[in-house]
Protein backbone atom coordinates (compact mmCIF):
# COMPACT_ATOMS: atom_id res chain seq x y z
CA ALA A 1 50.11 29.30 -12.88
CA ASN A 2 53.28 30.62 -13.96
CA TYR A 3 57.00 30.15 -13.24
CA VAL A 4 60.19 32.48 -12.90
CA VAL A 5 63.68 31.29 -13.56
CA ASP A 6 66.73 33.02 -11.47
CA ASN A 7 69.66 32.25 -13.80
CA ALA A 8 71.85 33.58 -11.08
CA THR A 9 71.23 30.90 -8.64
CA GLY A 10 69.37 28.08 -10.79
CA MET A 11 66.41 28.34 -8.69
CA LEU A 12 62.67 28.16 -10.35
CA SER A 13 59.49 29.85 -8.50
CA PHE A 14 56.10 29.14 -9.48
CA THR A 15 53.86 31.65 -8.74
CA THR A 16 49.85 30.95 -8.71
CA GLY A 17 46.44 32.48 -8.28
CA ALA A 18 44.10 32.13 -5.43
CA PHE A 19 43.76 28.35 -4.38
CA ASP A 20 42.36 26.36 -1.69
CA HIS A 21 45.30 25.76 0.54
CA ALA A 22 43.23 22.69 2.11
CA LEU A 23 43.84 20.71 -0.79
CA PRO A 24 46.74 19.65 -2.73
CA LEU A 25 48.04 22.19 -5.39
CA VAL A 26 48.97 20.18 -8.62
CA LEU A 27 50.60 21.99 -11.16
CA VAL A 28 50.19 20.17 -14.75
CA ILE A 29 53.32 20.92 -16.91
CA GLY A 30 52.75 20.84 -20.56
CA PRO A 31 49.37 20.03 -22.30
CA GLN A 32 46.86 18.21 -20.40
CA ALA A 33 47.32 14.26 -20.88
CA MET A 34 43.42 13.67 -20.94
CA GLU A 35 40.89 14.11 -23.94
CA PRO A 36 40.99 16.34 -25.75
CA CYS A 37 44.61 15.59 -25.87
CA CYS A 38 47.51 17.89 -27.41
CA THR A 39 48.81 17.87 -31.09
CA TYR A 40 52.28 16.37 -31.14
CA ASP A 41 53.66 19.79 -31.97
CA THR A 42 52.58 21.11 -28.85
CA ALA A 43 55.74 21.71 -26.08
CA GLY A 44 55.32 19.65 -23.29
CA LEU A 45 54.44 16.06 -21.96
CA CYS A 46 51.44 14.74 -23.71
CA TRP A 47 51.34 11.30 -22.35
CA SER A 48 53.80 8.83 -20.66
CA THR A 49 53.29 5.25 -18.98
CA PHE A 50 55.34 2.20 -17.86
CA PHE A 51 55.44 -0.54 -20.32
CA GLY A 52 56.42 -4.02 -19.41
CA ALA A 53 56.08 -6.76 -16.68
CA GLU A 54 57.97 -7.84 -14.12
CA LEU A 55 61.40 -8.84 -15.71
CA TYR A 56 63.67 -7.18 -18.36
CA ASP A 57 61.55 -5.46 -20.96
CA PHE A 58 63.06 -3.23 -23.33
CA PRO A 59 61.49 -0.88 -26.14
CA LYS A 60 63.86 -0.32 -28.91
CA ASP A 61 62.04 1.64 -31.31
CA VAL A 62 58.91 3.48 -32.04
CA LYS A 63 57.24 4.71 -34.91
CA ALA A 64 53.59 6.67 -35.30
CA ASP A 65 51.66 6.78 -38.56
CA ALA A 66 49.79 9.42 -39.85
CA ALA A 67 46.47 8.68 -37.81
CA GLY A 68 48.53 8.73 -34.72
CA ASN A 69 48.61 5.29 -34.14
CA ILE A 70 51.94 4.49 -32.26
CA PHE A 71 53.89 0.94 -32.46
CA VAL A 72 56.44 -0.12 -30.14
CA ALA A 73 59.07 -2.72 -31.10
CA GLY A 74 61.25 -4.18 -28.43
CA ARG A 75 61.94 -7.30 -26.39
CA SER A 76 60.63 -9.13 -23.23
CA THR A 77 62.03 -11.71 -20.81
CA SER A 78 58.62 -11.54 -18.61
CA ALA A 79 56.07 -14.24 -18.58
CA TRP A 80 53.98 -13.83 -22.04
CA ALA A 81 50.93 -13.56 -19.70
CA ASN A 82 52.03 -10.52 -17.88
CA PHE A 83 53.38 -8.41 -20.38
CA PRO A 84 50.77 -5.79 -21.86
CA HIS A 85 48.23 -7.54 -24.32
CA LEU A 86 44.53 -7.72 -25.07
CA SER A 87 43.27 -11.36 -24.46
CA GLY A 88 42.63 -12.92 -27.74
CA VAL A 89 44.88 -10.87 -29.74
CA LEU A 90 48.18 -11.59 -28.89
CA THR A 91 50.04 -14.91 -30.44
CA PRO A 92 51.79 -16.66 -27.50
CA GLN A 93 53.98 -19.15 -28.39
CA SER A 94 56.86 -21.30 -26.65
CA ILE A 95 59.49 -18.96 -25.91
CA GLY A 96 62.97 -18.76 -24.72
CA THR A 97 64.58 -16.43 -22.70
CA SER A 98 63.87 -13.38 -24.25
CA VAL A 99 61.10 -12.88 -27.27
CA ALA A 100 60.56 -9.93 -29.68
CA THR A 101 57.52 -7.91 -28.96
CA LEU A 102 55.29 -5.71 -31.14
CA THR A 103 52.58 -3.42 -29.75
CA ARG A 104 50.13 -1.08 -31.38
CA PHE A 105 48.31 1.75 -29.14
CA ASN A 106 45.75 4.08 -31.07
CA ALA A 107 46.06 7.78 -31.21
CA ALA A 108 44.18 7.67 -27.90
CA HIS A 109 47.13 5.74 -26.39
CA VAL A 110 44.65 3.00 -25.57
CA LEU A 111 46.58 -0.57 -26.12
CA ILE A 112 45.26 -2.11 -29.08
CA TRP A 113 47.22 -5.62 -29.51
CA THR A 114 50.51 -6.97 -28.69
CA ASN A 115 52.34 -9.94 -30.49
CA TYR A 116 55.02 -12.07 -29.72
CA GLN A 117 57.73 -13.51 -31.94
CA GLY A 118 60.19 -15.88 -31.02
CA GLY A 119 61.07 -19.44 -30.69
CA ASN A 120 62.72 -21.93 -27.51
CA ASN A 121 65.93 -23.67 -29.33
CA LEU A 122 64.14 -26.78 -30.01
CA GLY A 123 63.08 -27.14 -26.08
CA ASN A 124 66.33 -25.69 -24.30
CA GLY A 125 64.58 -22.58 -23.39
CA ASN A 126 67.73 -20.52 -23.74
CA SER A 127 67.04 -18.66 -26.94
CA GLU A 128 66.88 -15.05 -27.15
CA SER A 129 64.87 -13.01 -29.64
CA SER A 130 64.64 -9.00 -30.03
CA GLY A 131 62.68 -6.76 -31.96
CA ALA A 132 65.14 -3.89 -32.98
CA SER A 133 62.99 -1.44 -35.67
CA VAL A 134 59.18 -0.90 -36.82
CA ALA A 135 58.17 0.24 -39.92
CA VAL A 136 54.63 1.04 -40.62
CA ASP A 137 52.88 1.05 -44.10
CA ALA A 138 49.60 2.40 -43.66
CA ALA A 139 48.72 2.59 -46.96
CA ASN A 140 48.52 -1.27 -47.21
CA ASN A 141 47.31 -1.90 -43.49
CA ARG A 142 51.04 -3.34 -42.72
CA VAL A 143 53.64 -3.10 -39.90
CA TYR A 144 56.93 -4.52 -40.19
CA LEU A 145 59.13 -5.71 -37.48
CA ALA A 146 62.85 -6.62 -37.74
CA GLY A 147 65.43 -7.95 -35.63
CA ASN A 148 67.55 -10.67 -34.23
CA THR A 149 67.12 -14.08 -32.77
CA ASP A 150 69.47 -17.24 -32.06
CA ALA A 151 66.34 -19.56 -31.88
CA GLN A 152 66.31 -22.33 -33.92
CA ASP A 153 62.64 -22.81 -34.59
CA PHE A 154 61.75 -18.97 -34.84
CA LEU A 155 58.19 -18.55 -35.79
CA THR A 156 58.30 -18.29 -39.36
CA TRP A 157 55.49 -17.82 -41.63
CA PRO A 158 55.76 -18.06 -45.68
CA LEU A 159 54.27 -15.88 -48.00
CA ALA A 160 53.89 -16.85 -51.73
CA GLY A 161 56.47 -15.02 -53.90
CA ALA A 162 58.35 -13.24 -50.84
CA TYR A 163 61.44 -13.91 -49.63
CA ASN A 164 61.13 -17.05 -47.31
CA ASP A 165 64.21 -18.38 -45.10
CA GLN A 166 62.36 -21.43 -42.97
CA SER A 167 65.67 -23.08 -41.91
CA SER A 168 66.26 -24.13 -38.52
CA ASN A 169 69.83 -24.36 -38.35
CA ASN A 170 70.43 -21.17 -36.60
CA THR A 171 73.54 -21.99 -34.46
CA LEU A 172 74.24 -18.42 -34.51
CA SER A 173 71.96 -15.08 -34.35
CA LYS A 174 70.38 -14.55 -37.30
CA GLY A 175 68.06 -11.56 -38.53
CA PHE A 176 64.46 -11.80 -39.25
CA VAL A 177 62.00 -9.70 -40.60
CA CYS A 178 58.10 -9.90 -40.09
CA ARG A 179 54.99 -8.56 -41.30
CA TYR A 180 51.83 -7.84 -39.64
CA SER A 181 48.35 -6.74 -40.30
CA ASN A 182 48.05 -3.11 -38.61
CA THR A 183 44.17 -3.84 -37.54
CA ASP A 184 44.74 -6.74 -35.26
CA GLY A 185 48.21 -7.77 -35.18
CA ALA A 186 47.82 -11.00 -37.12
CA ILE A 187 51.33 -12.54 -38.88
CA GLN A 188 51.26 -12.28 -42.56
CA TRP A 189 54.99 -13.12 -43.28
CA SER A 190 57.91 -14.03 -41.15
CA THR A 191 61.52 -15.03 -42.28
CA TYR A 192 64.91 -15.26 -41.00
CA ILE A 193 67.50 -13.19 -43.15
CA GLY A 194 71.24 -13.52 -43.07
CA ALA A 195 73.48 -16.59 -42.44
CA GLY A 196 74.50 -15.66 -38.51
CA ASN A 197 76.15 -13.03 -36.39
CA VAL A 198 73.33 -10.55 -37.76
CA TRP A 199 72.55 -7.62 -35.44
């Protein structure tokens, strides 16, 4: 198939070869999404998907490494069991209104793991955590997530020799930085950063 644009009218017309008029005619715009997939310097849509569950789920940042793995940072207000993840890989925890999320897809766009990061404000359930940025250190098999939280019991994970703010006096929104294994999403380090009103 091919197309012609009439700039005077703004009309676009498709021309096709012979096809069976008893069957639907499907025009694939851009490279095919199935294997073998396109390269990312090929014009057109390579892959597209909804991502999230039943409530307010927002991807905030996405990065790809040299091997084509895709990492998506964001936040979710959906029930953790409904957010896209693989059983046994995710770290579920007691969470508040929203929780930061980090998800890895491989180069074939298959979901590999999802991890939550958050807290529940010492039981009142009203805390909000959001992942704002992701960075990939493929050489050391690490992925970093940065964002903000007002949770007073945010999941912190100390690392020997690293900056470690484990304080629970978070009455204003503090920043956080976390490190995970690229392979399975296991948490390796997590700390508050900043004194308050950190976005």
